Amino acid sequence: MAWQQDSSVFVTGHKGMVGSALVRALQGRGLPPAITASRAECDLLRQQEVEDFLAARKPDVVIVAAAKVGGILANDTYPADFLYENLMIAANIIHASFRVGVKRLLFLGSSCIYPRLAPQPMPEDSLLTSSLESTNEAYAIGKIAGLKLCQYYRKQHGVLFHSAMPTNLYGPGDNFHAENSHVIPALLRRFHEAKVNAASEVVCWGTGSPRREFLFVDELAQGCLHLLQAENPPDWVNLGSGTDVTIRELVELVKDVVGYSGEVRWDHTKPDGTPRKLMEVSRMKALGWEARLPLRDGLQVAYQAFLEHLASGDARL
């Protein structure tokens, strides 16, 4: 079923960057308020709590946006946590949704599911064709498991459970932790603090040569809602901008958006990660959706949101 104007939608992870963007997108379309749950109301790591919550609320649609996420350092330091929590979130929600009769489920994964040396741009059918990037292998395995659960529940039971694999996301509500954040929030915070403190230089990891694709989180949310309107979607589909930049180019964009006038020094002793990660997005385009917001424009919105969160004291630092 495609979601209807009166469909009830349970958005997991609604306090995170992706979940909050999905809640905004649903509100923007005049749909009923999203069903949400704090961890105290429903701990997604506890199977019985998940099933009890879904049985009580009976949503028509479930969007699995909850996840344990982090950057290279966090993934490499806490691999057991990343694998366990993402496995449990996926398994508990998908199985409970099937048991209570949820009509449709969209599971959100990550571009990290594809092999380190996948063809570029990365097509959906490159999944499981070779080794993963070692620094985020644990997270990727958790997301692959969720994707495969949706695929096999659909195959075995005929339920419309399917997945979207977003590229690197950024925007309002991001995590700006000094060590555990992703590249864009980490850079925005680092350059902002350097500007405020009149630091002479900002140190960036690696060589700056890897290429990355980025998607503004509110565009991701719109893409998800578009996908939920498809009557017979693919088991999984890439959701990205279809364009990429080098990390060095990204650093220069962030530096300019923040207004930092010092120097950038590259620490070549730090890892670069995967050489390139660009989504092949023709399947999503064939479904009638593509991203349109230029990266610079999105960075400006993200930086302004960061400043507003700092001013209000609720920035995720």
C-alpha atoms as a PDB file:
ATOM      1  CA  MET A   1       0.000   0.000   0.000  1.00  0.00           C
ATOM      2  CA  ALA A   2       1.094   3.570  -0.645  1.00  0.00           C
ATOM      3  CA  TRP A   3       0.569   5.771   2.362  1.00  0.00           C
ATOM      4  CA  GLN A   4      -2.636   7.781   2.322  1.00  0.00           C
ATOM      5  CA  GLN A   5      -3.557  11.192   3.703  1.00  0.00           C
ATOM      6  CA  ASP A   6      -4.923   9.599   6.871  1.00  0.00           C
ATOM      7  CA  SER A   7      -2.149   6.996   7.308  1.00  0.00           C
ATOM      8  CA  SER A   8      -0.593   6.770  10.751  1.00  0.00           C
ATOM      9  CA  VAL A   9       3.198   6.740  10.571  1.00  0.00           C
ATOM     10  CA  PHE A  10       5.548   5.623  13.346  1.00  0.00           C
ATOM     11  CA  VAL A  11       8.937   7.340  12.975  1.00  0.00           C
ATOM     12  CA  THR A  12      11.605   5.684  15.105  1.00  0.00           C
ATOM     13  CA  GLY A  13      14.538   7.826  16.178  1.00  0.00           C
ATOM     14  CA  HIS A  14      12.452  10.997  15.993  1.00  0.00           C
ATOM     15  CA  LYS A  15      14.901  12.992  18.126  1.00  0.00           C
ATOM     16  CA  GLY A  16      17.788  12.356  15.746  1.00  0.00           C
ATOM     17  CA  MET A  17      18.654  14.348  12.659  1.00  0.00           C
ATOM     18  CA  VAL A  18      16.927  11.986  10.210  1.00  0.00           C
ATOM     19  CA  GLY A  19      13.910  11.229  12.375  1.00  0.00           C
ATOM     20  CA  SER A  20      13.220  14.884  13.120  1.00  0.00           C
ATOM     21  CA  ALA A  21      13.452  15.698   9.408  1.00  0.00           C
ATOM     22  CA  LEU A  22      10.907  12.974   8.664  1.00  0.00           C
ATOM     23  CA  VAL A  23       8.557  14.379  11.311  1.00  0.00           C
ATOM     24  CA  ARG A  24       8.903  17.843   9.698  1.00  0.00           C
ATOM     25  CA  ALA A  25       8.243  16.392   6.249  1.00  0.00           C
ATOM     26  CA  LEU A  26       5.080  14.628   7.407  1.00  0.00           C
ATOM     27  CA  GLN A  27       3.848  17.832   9.052  1.00  0.00           C
ATOM     28  CA  GLY A  28       4.610  19.757   5.875  1.00  0.00           C
ATOM     29  CA  ARG A  29       2.309  17.474   3.895  1.00  0.00           C
ATOM     30  CA  GLY A  30      -0.589  17.943   6.262  1.00  0.00           C
ATOM     31  CA  LEU A  31      -0.526  14.336   7.463  1.00  0.00           C
ATOM     32  CA  PRO A  32      -1.519  13.301  10.982  1.00  0.00           C
ATOM     33  CA  PRO A  33       1.259  13.912  13.538  1.00  0.00           C
ATOM     34  CA  ALA A  34       3.862  11.167  13.440  1.00  0.00           C
ATOM     35  CA  ILE A  35       3.739   8.512  16.129  1.00  0.00           C
ATOM     36  CA  THR A  36       6.940   8.789  18.145  1.00  0.00           C
ATOM     37  CA  ALA A  37       8.389   7.204  21.263  1.00  0.00           C
ATOM     38  CA  SER A  38      11.182   8.146  23.624  1.00  0.00           C
ATOM     39  CA  ARG A  39      13.524   5.425  24.860  1.00  0.00           C
ATOM     40  CA  ALA A  40      11.657   5.454  28.181  1.00  0.00           C
ATOM     41  CA  GLU A  41       8.404   4.744  26.320  1.00  0.00           C
ATOM     42  CA  CYS A  42       9.858   2.074  24.024  1.00  0.00           C
ATOM     43  CA  ASP A  43      13.429   0.797  24.204  1.00  0.00           C
ATOM     44  CA  LEU A  44      14.144  -0.420  20.675  1.00  0.00           C
ATOM     45  CA  LEU A  45      16.802  -2.802  22.008  1.00  0.00           C
ATOM     46  CA  ARG A  46      14.095  -4.748  23.911  1.00  0.00           C
ATOM     47  CA  GLN A  47      12.013  -6.981  21.657  1.00  0.00           C
ATOM     48  CA  GLN A  48       8.956  -7.252  23.904  1.00  0.00           C
ATOM     49  CA  GLU A  49       8.784  -3.492  24.478  1.00  0.00           C
ATOM     50  CA  VAL A  50       8.809  -2.897  20.722  1.00  0.00           C
ATOM     51  CA  GLU A  51       6.084  -5.438  20.060  1.00  0.00           C
ATOM     52  CA  ASP A  52       3.907  -4.139  22.910  1.00  0.00           C
ATOM     53  CA  PHE A  53       4.242  -0.545  21.680  1.00  0.00           C
ATOM     54  CA  LEU A  54       3.375  -1.412  18.079  1.00  0.00           C
ATOM     55  CA  ALA A  55       0.446  -3.583  19.153  1.00  0.00           C
ATOM     56  CA  ALA A  56      -0.936  -0.706  21.210  1.00  0.00           C
ATOM     57  CA  ARG A  57      -0.466   2.063  18.623  1.00  0.00           C
ATOM     58  CA  LYS A  58      -1.134   0.043  15.433  1.00  0.00           C
ATOM     59  CA  PRO A  59       0.610   2.323  12.889  1.00  0.00           C
ATOM     60  CA  ASP A  60      -0.091   1.842   9.185  1.00  0.00           C
ATOM     61  CA  VAL A  61       3.509   2.672   8.257  1.00  0.00           C
ATOM     62  CA  VAL A  62       6.794   2.314  10.136  1.00  0.00           C
ATOM     63  CA  ILE A  63       9.928   4.217   9.159  1.00  0.00           C
ATOM     64  CA  VAL A  64      13.081   2.852  10.791  1.00  0.00           C
ATOM     65  CA  ALA A  65      15.251   5.951  11.203  1.00  0.00           C
ATOM     66  CA  ALA A  66      16.667   4.964  14.592  1.00  0.00           C
ATOM     67  CA  ALA A  67      20.301   3.856  14.572  1.00  0.00           C
ATOM     68  CA  LYS A  68      23.553   4.071  16.461  1.00  0.00           C
ATOM     69  CA  VAL A  69      25.676   6.322  14.265  1.00  0.00           C
ATOM     70  CA  GLY A  70      29.058   8.024  14.336  1.00  0.00           C
ATOM     71  CA  GLY A  71      32.151   8.934  12.358  1.00  0.00           C
ATOM     72  CA  ILE A  72      35.311   6.967  11.536  1.00  0.00           C
ATOM     73  CA  LEU A  73      36.769   7.226  15.040  1.00  0.00           C
ATOM     74  CA  ALA A  74      33.574   6.154  16.810  1.00  0.00           C
ATOM     75  CA  ASN A  75      32.994   3.224  14.440  1.00  0.00           C
ATOM     76  CA  ASP A  76      36.572   2.032  14.786  1.00  0.00           C
ATOM     77  CA  THR A  77      36.605   2.407  18.594  1.00  0.00           C
ATOM     78  CA  TYR A  78      33.223   0.853  19.458  1.00  0.00           C
ATOM     79  CA  PRO A  79      32.544  -1.805  16.770  1.00  0.00           C
ATOM     80  CA  ALA A  80      30.734  -4.208  19.116  1.00  0.00           C
ATOM     81  CA  ASP A  81      28.326  -1.462  20.210  1.00  0.00           C
ATOM     82  CA  PHE A  82      27.633  -0.424  16.628  1.00  0.00           C
ATOM     83  CA  LEU A  83      26.965  -3.977  15.456  1.00  0.00           C
ATOM     84  CA  TYR A  84      24.849  -5.069  18.436  1.00  0.00           C
ATOM     85  CA  GLU A  85      22.641  -1.991  18.672  1.00  0.00           C
ATOM     86  CA  ASN A  86      21.955  -1.721  14.943  1.00  0.00           C
ATOM     87  CA  LEU A  87      21.224  -5.452  14.693  1.00  0.00           C
ATOM     88  CA  MET A  88      18.777  -5.279  17.586  1.00  0.00           C
ATOM     89  CA  ILE A  89      17.016  -2.156  16.333  1.00  0.00           C
ATOM     90  CA  ALA A  90      16.499  -3.673  12.886  1.00  0.00           C
ATOM     91  CA  ALA A  91      15.474  -7.144  14.038  1.00  0.00           C
ATOM     92  CA  ASN A  92      13.125  -5.993  16.788  1.00  0.00           C
ATOM     93  CA  ILE A  93      11.242  -3.419  14.734  1.00  0.00           C
ATOM     94  CA  ILE A  94      10.972  -5.448  11.539  1.00  0.00           C
ATOM     95  CA  HIS A  95       9.829  -8.645  13.276  1.00  0.00           C
ATOM     96  CA  ALA A  96       7.390  -6.845  15.570  1.00  0.00           C
ATOM     97  CA  SER A  97       5.945  -4.881  12.624  1.00  0.00           C
ATOM     98  CA  PHE A  98       5.265  -8.159  10.839  1.00  0.00           C
ATOM     99  CA  ARG A  99       3.687  -9.739  13.915  1.00  0.00           C
ATOM    100  CA  VAL A 100       1.265  -6.879  14.566  1.00  0.00           C
ATOM    101  CA  GLY A 101       0.255  -6.401  10.916  1.00  0.00           C
ATOM    102  CA  VAL A 102       1.994  -3.161   9.913  1.00  0.00           C
ATOM    103  CA  LYS A 103       1.057  -2.557   6.285  1.00  0.00           C
ATOM    104  CA  ARG A 104       4.303  -0.968   5.135  1.00  0.00           C
ATOM    105  CA  LEU A 105       7.811  -0.507   6.521  1.00  0.00           C
ATOM    106  CA  LEU A 106      10.725   1.551   5.216  1.00  0.00           C
ATOM    107  CA  PHE A 107      14.130   0.712   6.667  1.00  0.00           C
ATOM    108  CA  LEU A 108      16.881   3.329   6.343  1.00  0.00           C
ATOM    109  CA  GLY A 109      20.388   2.000   5.873  1.00  0.00           C
ATOM    110  CA  SER A 110      23.558   3.686   4.680  1.00  0.00           C
ATOM    111  CA  SER A 111      25.943   3.876   1.748  1.00  0.00           C
ATOM    112  CA  CYS A 112      28.401   2.095   4.081  1.00  0.00           C
ATOM    113  CA  ILE A 113      26.746  -1.200   3.129  1.00  0.00           C
ATOM    114  CA  TYR A 114      28.590  -1.264  -0.188  1.00  0.00           C
ATOM    115  CA  PRO A 115      32.103  -2.690  -0.637  1.00  0.00           C
ATOM    116  CA  ARG A 116      35.133  -0.482  -0.091  1.00  0.00           C
ATOM    117  CA  LEU A 117      36.099  -0.859  -3.739  1.00  0.00           C
ATOM    118  CA  ALA A 118      32.613  -0.978  -5.245  1.00  0.00           C
ATOM    119  CA  PRO A 119      32.181   0.390  -8.768  1.00  0.00           C
ATOM    120  CA  GLN A 120      31.732   4.162  -8.769  1.00  0.00           C
ATOM    121  CA  PRO A 121      29.017   5.354  -8.754  1.00  0.00           C
ATOM    122  CA  MET A 122      27.854   2.483  -6.503  1.00  0.00           C
ATOM    123  CA  PRO A 123      24.891   0.536  -7.936  1.00  0.00           C
ATOM    124  CA  GLU A 124      22.484  -1.322  -5.692  1.00  0.00           C
ATOM    125  CA  ASP A 125      23.593  -4.684  -7.080  1.00  0.00           C
ATOM    126  CA  SER A 126      27.178  -4.170  -5.866  1.00  0.00           C
ATOM    127  CA  LEU A 127      26.014  -5.217  -2.389  1.00  0.00           C
ATOM    128  CA  LEU A 128      28.016  -8.151  -0.963  1.00  0.00           C
ATOM    129  CA  THR A 129      30.289  -8.457  -3.991  1.00  0.00           C
ATOM    130  CA  SER A 130      33.545  -7.807  -2.058  1.00  0.00           C
ATOM    131  CA  SER A 131      34.973  -6.642   1.278  1.00  0.00           C
ATOM    132  CA  LEU A 132      33.589  -3.741   3.278  1.00  0.00           C
ATOM    133  CA  GLU A 133      35.569  -0.737   4.526  1.00  0.00           C
ATOM    134  CA  SER A 134      37.182  -2.014   7.730  1.00  0.00           C
ATOM    135  CA  THR A 135      36.697   1.182   9.772  1.00  0.00           C
ATOM    136  CA  ASN A 136      32.890   0.940   9.641  1.00  0.00           C
ATOM    137  CA  GLU A 137      32.372  -2.762   8.917  1.00  0.00           C
ATOM    138  CA  ALA A 138      30.406  -3.383  12.130  1.00  0.00           C
ATOM    139  CA  TYR A 139      27.888  -0.617  11.400  1.00  0.00           C
ATOM    140  CA  ALA A 140      27.571  -1.770   7.796  1.00  0.00           C
ATOM    141  CA  ILE A 141      26.843  -5.365   8.782  1.00  0.00           C
ATOM    142  CA  GLY A 142      24.051  -4.192  11.076  1.00  0.00           C
ATOM    143  CA  LYS A 143      22.497  -2.212   8.228  1.00  0.00           C
ATOM    144  CA  ILE A 144      22.922  -5.040   5.707  1.00  0.00           C
ATOM    145  CA  ALA A 145      21.104  -7.332   8.130  1.00  0.00           C
ATOM    146  CA  GLY A 146      18.175  -4.891   8.300  1.00  0.00           C
ATOM    147  CA  LEU A 147      18.006  -4.606   4.527  1.00  0.00           C
ATOM    148  CA  LYS A 148      18.050  -8.389   4.129  1.00  0.00           C
ATOM    149  CA  LEU A 149      15.403  -8.871   6.814  1.00  0.00           C
ATOM    150  CA  CYS A 150      13.076  -6.553   4.877  1.00  0.00           C
ATOM    151  CA  GLN A 151      13.855  -8.336   1.614  1.00  0.00           C
ATOM    152  CA  TYR A 152      13.225 -11.795   3.054  1.00  0.00           C
ATOM    153  CA  TYR A 153      10.109 -10.907   5.056  1.00  0.00           C
ATOM    154  CA  ARG A 154       8.726  -9.481   1.814  1.00  0.00           C
ATOM    155  CA  LYS A 155       9.719 -12.628  -0.101  1.00  0.00           C
ATOM    156  CA  GLN A 156       8.469 -15.118   2.473  1.00  0.00           C
ATOM    157  CA  HIS A 157       5.439 -13.323   3.886  1.00  0.00           C
ATOM    158  CA  GLY A 158       4.386 -10.909   1.124  1.00  0.00           C
ATOM    159  CA  VAL A 159       4.635  -7.795   3.324  1.00  0.00           C
ATOM    160  CA  LEU A 160       5.661  -4.503   1.745  1.00  0.00           C
ATOM    161  CA  PHE A 161       8.857  -4.010   3.733  1.00  0.00           C
ATOM    162  CA  HIS A 162      11.636  -2.283   1.790  1.00  0.00           C
ATOM    163  CA  SER A 163      14.718  -0.129   2.299  1.00  0.00           C
ATOM    164  CA  ALA A 164      16.434   3.087   1.289  1.00  0.00           C
ATOM    165  CA  MET A 165      20.193   3.555   1.472  1.00  0.00           C
ATOM    166  CA  PRO A 166      20.984   7.230   2.141  1.00  0.00           C
ATOM    167  CA  THR A 167      24.333   8.736   1.329  1.00  0.00           C
ATOM    168  CA  ASN A 168      26.208  10.933   3.863  1.00  0.00           C
ATOM    169  CA  LEU A 169      23.655  13.243   5.479  1.00  0.00           C
ATOM    170  CA  TYR A 170      23.917  16.644   7.125  1.00  0.00           C
ATOM    171  CA  GLY A 171      21.636  19.425   8.309  1.00  0.00           C
ATOM    172  CA  PRO A 172      19.606  20.677  11.296  1.00  0.00           C
ATOM    173  CA  GLY A 173      19.765  18.458  14.353  1.00  0.00           C
ATOM    174  CA  ASP A 174      23.142  16.953  13.485  1.00  0.00           C
ATOM    175  CA  ASN A 175      25.555  15.610  16.098  1.00  0.00           C
ATOM    176  CA  PHE A 176      28.485  17.991  16.608  1.00  0.00           C
ATOM    177  CA  HIS A 177      30.434  15.884  19.117  1.00  0.00           C
ATOM    178  CA  ALA A 178      34.154  16.667  18.913  1.00  0.00           C
ATOM    179  CA  GLU A 179      35.159  13.007  18.384  1.00  0.00           C
ATOM    180  CA  ASN A 180      32.082  11.001  17.359  1.00  0.00           C
ATOM    181  CA  SER A 181      30.443  13.184  14.707  1.00  0.00           C
ATOM    182  CA  HIS A 182      30.434  12.837  10.927  1.00  0.00           C
ATOM    183  CA  VAL A 183      32.602  14.929   8.642  1.00  0.00           C
ATOM    184  CA  ILE A 184      30.348  17.946   7.926  1.00  0.00           C
ATOM    185  CA  PRO A 185      29.239  18.672  11.525  1.00  0.00           C
ATOM    186  CA  ALA A 186      32.798  18.021  12.711  1.00  0.00           C
ATOM    187  CA  LEU A 187      34.145  20.552  10.214  1.00  0.00           C
ATOM    188  CA  LEU A 188      31.443  23.136  10.935  1.00  0.00           C
ATOM    189  CA  ARG A 189      32.205  22.984  14.650  1.00  0.00           C
ATOM    190  CA  ARG A 190      35.981  22.964  14.172  1.00  0.00           C
ATOM    191  CA  PHE A 191      36.016  25.971  11.846  1.00  0.00           C
ATOM    192  CA  HIS A 192      33.484  27.853  13.973  1.00  0.00           C
ATOM    193  CA  GLU A 193      35.547  27.383  17.125  1.00  0.00           C
ATOM    194  CA  ALA A 194      38.713  28.342  15.263  1.00  0.00           C
ATOM    195  CA  LYS A 195      36.981  31.513  14.061  1.00  0.00           C
ATOM    196  CA  VAL A 196      35.701  32.402  17.536  1.00  0.00           C
ATOM    197  CA  ASN A 197      39.106  31.737  19.119  1.00  0.00           C
ATOM    198  CA  ALA A 198      41.063  33.430  16.317  1.00  0.00           C
ATOM    199  CA  ALA A 199      43.113  30.245  15.825  1.00  0.00           C
ATOM    200  CA  SER A 200      45.833  30.476  13.197  1.00  0.00           C
ATOM    201  CA  GLU A 201      45.098  27.052  11.678  1.00  0.00           C
ATOM    202  CA  VAL A 202      42.647  24.166  11.554  1.00  0.00           C
ATOM    203  CA  VAL A 203      43.966  20.601  11.331  1.00  0.00           C
ATOM    204  CA  CYS A 204      42.082  18.191   9.062  1.00  0.00           C
ATOM    205  CA  TRP A 205      42.550  14.440   8.837  1.00  0.00           C
ATOM    206  CA  GLY A 206      44.183  12.597   5.951  1.00  0.00           C
ATOM    207  CA  THR A 207      45.118  13.901   2.547  1.00  0.00           C
ATOM    208  CA  GLY A 208      41.841  15.488   1.499  1.00  0.00           C
ATOM    209  CA  SER A 209      41.762  13.335  -1.635  1.00  0.00           C
ATOM    210  CA  PRO A 210      38.814  10.980  -0.904  1.00  0.00           C
ATOM    211  CA  ARG A 211      35.585  11.883  -2.644  1.00  0.00           C
ATOM    212  CA  ARG A 212      32.274  11.997  -0.799  1.00  0.00           C
ATOM    213  CA  GLU A 213      28.631  12.593  -1.660  1.00  0.00           C
ATOM    214  CA  PHE A 214      26.365  14.551   0.673  1.00  0.00           C
ATOM    215  CA  LEU A 215      22.600  14.993   0.934  1.00  0.00           C
ATOM    216  CA  PHE A 216      20.736  17.599   2.974  1.00  0.00           C
ATOM    217  CA  VAL A 217      18.612  15.749   5.514  1.00  0.00           C
ATOM    218  CA  ASP A 218      15.318  17.458   4.631  1.00  0.00           C
ATOM    219  CA  GLU A 219      15.794  16.354   1.031  1.00  0.00           C
ATOM    220  CA  LEU A 220      16.345  12.826   2.307  1.00  0.00           C
ATOM    221  CA  ALA A 221      13.020  13.040   4.159  1.00  0.00           C
ATOM    222  CA  GLN A 222      11.197  14.178   1.036  1.00  0.00           C
ATOM    223  CA  GLY A 223      12.805  11.346  -0.900  1.00  0.00           C
ATOM    224  CA  CYS A 224      11.564   8.840   1.694  1.00  0.00           C
ATOM    225  CA  LEU A 225       7.989  10.106   1.486  1.00  0.00           C
ATOM    226  CA  HIS A 226       8.170   9.948  -2.306  1.00  0.00           C
ATOM    227  CA  LEU A 227       9.402   6.364  -2.086  1.00  0.00           C
ATOM    228  CA  LEU A 228       6.516   5.439   0.206  1.00  0.00           C
ATOM    229  CA  GLN A 229       4.124   6.469  -2.565  1.00  0.00           C
ATOM    230  CA  ALA A 230       5.548   3.842  -4.948  1.00  0.00           C
ATOM    231  CA  GLU A 231       3.192   0.886  -5.310  1.00  0.00           C
ATOM    232  CA  ASN A 232       5.931  -1.677  -6.017  1.00  0.00           C
ATOM    233  CA  PRO A 233       9.310  -0.245  -4.943  1.00  0.00           C
ATOM    234  CA  PRO A 234      12.614  -2.102  -5.277  1.00  0.00           C
ATOM    235  CA  ASP A 235      13.723  -4.098  -2.237  1.00  0.00           C
ATOM    236  CA  TRP A 236      16.289  -1.368  -1.692  1.00  0.00           C
ATOM    237  CA  VAL A 237      17.147   1.823  -3.487  1.00  0.00           C
ATOM    238  CA  ASN A 238      19.964   4.348  -3.205  1.00  0.00           C
ATOM    239  CA  LEU A 239      18.984   7.799  -1.982  1.00  0.00           C
ATOM    240  CA  GLY A 240      21.668  10.356  -2.729  1.00  0.00           C
ATOM    241  CA  SER A 241      22.496  13.543  -4.579  1.00  0.00           C
ATOM    242  CA  GLY A 242      24.330  11.768  -7.403  1.00  0.00           C
ATOM    243  CA  THR A 243      27.296  14.193  -7.194  1.00  0.00           C
ATOM    244  CA  ASP A 244      30.436  14.220  -5.051  1.00  0.00           C
ATOM    245  CA  VAL A 245      33.327  16.454  -3.964  1.00  0.00           C
ATOM    246  CA  THR A 246      36.770  15.824  -2.535  1.00  0.00           C
ATOM    247  CA  ILE A 247      37.192  16.270   1.199  1.00  0.00           C
ATOM    248  CA  ARG A 248      39.606  19.089   0.375  1.00  0.00           C
ATOM    249  CA  GLU A 249      36.887  20.842  -1.649  1.00  0.00           C
ATOM    250  CA  LEU A 250      34.419  20.290   1.183  1.00  0.00           C
ATOM    251  CA  VAL A 251      36.846  21.809   3.693  1.00  0.00           C
ATOM    252  CA  GLU A 252      37.195  24.926   1.549  1.00  0.00           C
ATOM    253  CA  LEU A 253      33.400  25.232   1.267  1.00  0.00           C
ATOM    254  CA  VAL A 254      32.928  24.917   5.035  1.00  0.00           C
ATOM    255  CA  LYS A 255      35.751  27.367   5.695  1.00  0.00           C
ATOM    256  CA  ASP A 256      34.084  29.887   3.395  1.00  0.00           C
ATOM    257  CA  VAL A 257      30.558  29.371   4.795  1.00  0.00           C
ATOM    258  CA  VAL A 258      31.792  29.788   8.379  1.00  0.00           C
ATOM    259  CA  GLY A 259      33.950  32.780   7.472  1.00  0.00           C
ATOM    260  CA  TYR A 260      37.226  31.446   8.885  1.00  0.00           C
ATOM    261  CA  SER A 261      40.318  33.259   7.566  1.00  0.00           C
ATOM    262  CA  GLY A 262      43.152  31.099   8.974  1.00  0.00           C
ATOM    263  CA  GLU A 263      45.104  28.248   7.389  1.00  0.00           C
ATOM    264  CA  VAL A 264      44.254  24.564   6.903  1.00  0.00           C
ATOM    265  CA  ARG A 265      46.876  21.913   7.756  1.00  0.00           C
ATOM    266  CA  TRP A 266      46.408  18.304   6.638  1.00  0.00           C
ATOM    267  CA  ASP A 267      47.511  15.564   9.042  1.00  0.00           C
ATOM    268  CA  HIS A 268      48.648  12.761   6.722  1.00  0.00           C
ATOM    269  CA  THR A 269      49.117  10.353   9.650  1.00  0.00           C
ATOM    270  CA  LYS A 270      45.324  10.051  10.016  1.00  0.00           C
ATOM    271  CA  PRO A 271      43.243   7.635   7.868  1.00  0.00           C
ATOM    272  CA  ASP A 272      41.368   8.721   4.764  1.00  0.00           C
ATOM    273  CA  GLY A 273      38.783   5.940   4.824  1.00  0.00           C
ATOM    274  CA  THR A 274      37.126   4.727   1.636  1.00  0.00           C
ATOM    275  CA  PRO A 275      38.661   6.339  -1.492  1.00  0.00           C
ATOM    276  CA  ARG A 276      35.301   7.259  -3.008  1.00  0.00           C
ATOM    277  CA  LYS A 277      31.635   6.877  -2.094  1.00  0.00           C
ATOM    278  CA  LEU A 278      29.160   8.034  -4.718  1.00  0.00           C
ATOM    279  CA  MET A 279      25.678   6.605  -5.123  1.00  0.00           C
ATOM    280  CA  GLU A 280      24.286   5.438  -8.433  1.00  0.00           C
ATOM    281  CA  VAL A 281      20.816   7.005  -8.202  1.00  0.00           C
ATOM    282  CA  SER A 282      19.108   6.056 -11.470  1.00  0.00           C
ATOM    283  CA  ARG A 283      16.555   3.820  -9.728  1.00  0.00           C
ATOM    284  CA  MET A 284      15.328   6.683  -7.579  1.00  0.00           C
ATOM    285  CA  LYS A 285      15.236   9.010 -10.583  1.00  0.00           C
ATOM    286  CA  ALA A 286      13.150   6.421 -12.431  1.00  0.00           C
ATOM    287  CA  LEU A 287      10.678   6.628  -9.551  1.00  0.00           C
ATOM    288  CA  GLY A 288      10.405  10.386 -10.172  1.00  0.00           C
ATOM    289  CA  TRP A 289      12.610  11.923  -7.469  1.00  0.00           C
ATOM    290  CA  GLU A 290      16.045  13.539  -7.368  1.00  0.00           C
ATOM    291  CA  ALA A 291      17.903  15.909  -5.028  1.00  0.00           C
ATOM    292  CA  ARG A 292      18.212  19.544  -6.080  1.00  0.00           C
ATOM    293  CA  LEU A 293      19.754  21.587  -3.237  1.00  0.00           C
ATOM    294  CA  PRO A 294      23.352  22.713  -3.971  1.00  0.00           C
ATOM    295  CA  LEU A 295      25.895  21.701  -1.331  1.00  0.00           C
ATOM    296  CA  ARG A 296      26.930  25.277  -0.517  1.00  0.00           C
ATOM    297  CA  ASP A 297      23.305  26.280   0.097  1.00  0.00           C
ATOM    298  CA  GLY A 298      22.766  23.285   2.342  1.00  0.00           C
ATOM    299  CA  LEU A 299      25.940  24.042   4.309  1.00  0.00           C
ATOM    300  CA  GLN A 300      24.745  27.580   4.929  1.00  0.00           C
ATOM    301  CA  VAL A 301      21.445  26.293   6.333  1.00  0.00           C
ATOM    302  CA  ALA A 302      23.277  23.695   8.438  1.00  0.00           C
ATOM    303  CA  TYR A 303      25.670  26.289   9.862  1.00  0.00           C
ATOM    304  CA  GLN A 304      22.849  28.670  10.711  1.00  0.00           C
ATOM    305  CA  ALA A 305      21.014  25.828  12.463  1.00  0.00           C
ATOM    306  CA  PHE A 306      24.204  25.042  14.425  1.00  0.00           C
ATOM    307  CA  LEU A 307      24.458  28.679  15.541  1.00  0.00           C
ATOM    308  CA  GLU A 308      20.812  28.665  16.607  1.00  0.00           C
ATOM    309  CA  HIS A 309      21.299  25.455  18.594  1.00  0.00           C
ATOM    310  CA  LEU A 310      24.352  26.969  20.278  1.00  0.00           C
ATOM    311  CA  ALA A 311      22.406  30.084  21.199  1.00  0.00           C
ATOM    312  CA  SER A 312      19.523  28.071  22.658  1.00  0.00           C
ATOM    313  CA  GLY A 313      21.847  25.689  24.496  1.00  0.00           C
ATOM    314  CA  ASP A 314      20.531  22.488  22.905  1.00  0.00           C
ATOM    315  CA  ALA A 315      23.311  21.775  20.402  1.00  0.00           C
ATOM    316  CA  ARG A 316      24.414  18.136  20.354  1.00  0.00           C
ATOM    317  CA  LEU A 317      28.059  18.679  21.325  1.00  0.00           C
END
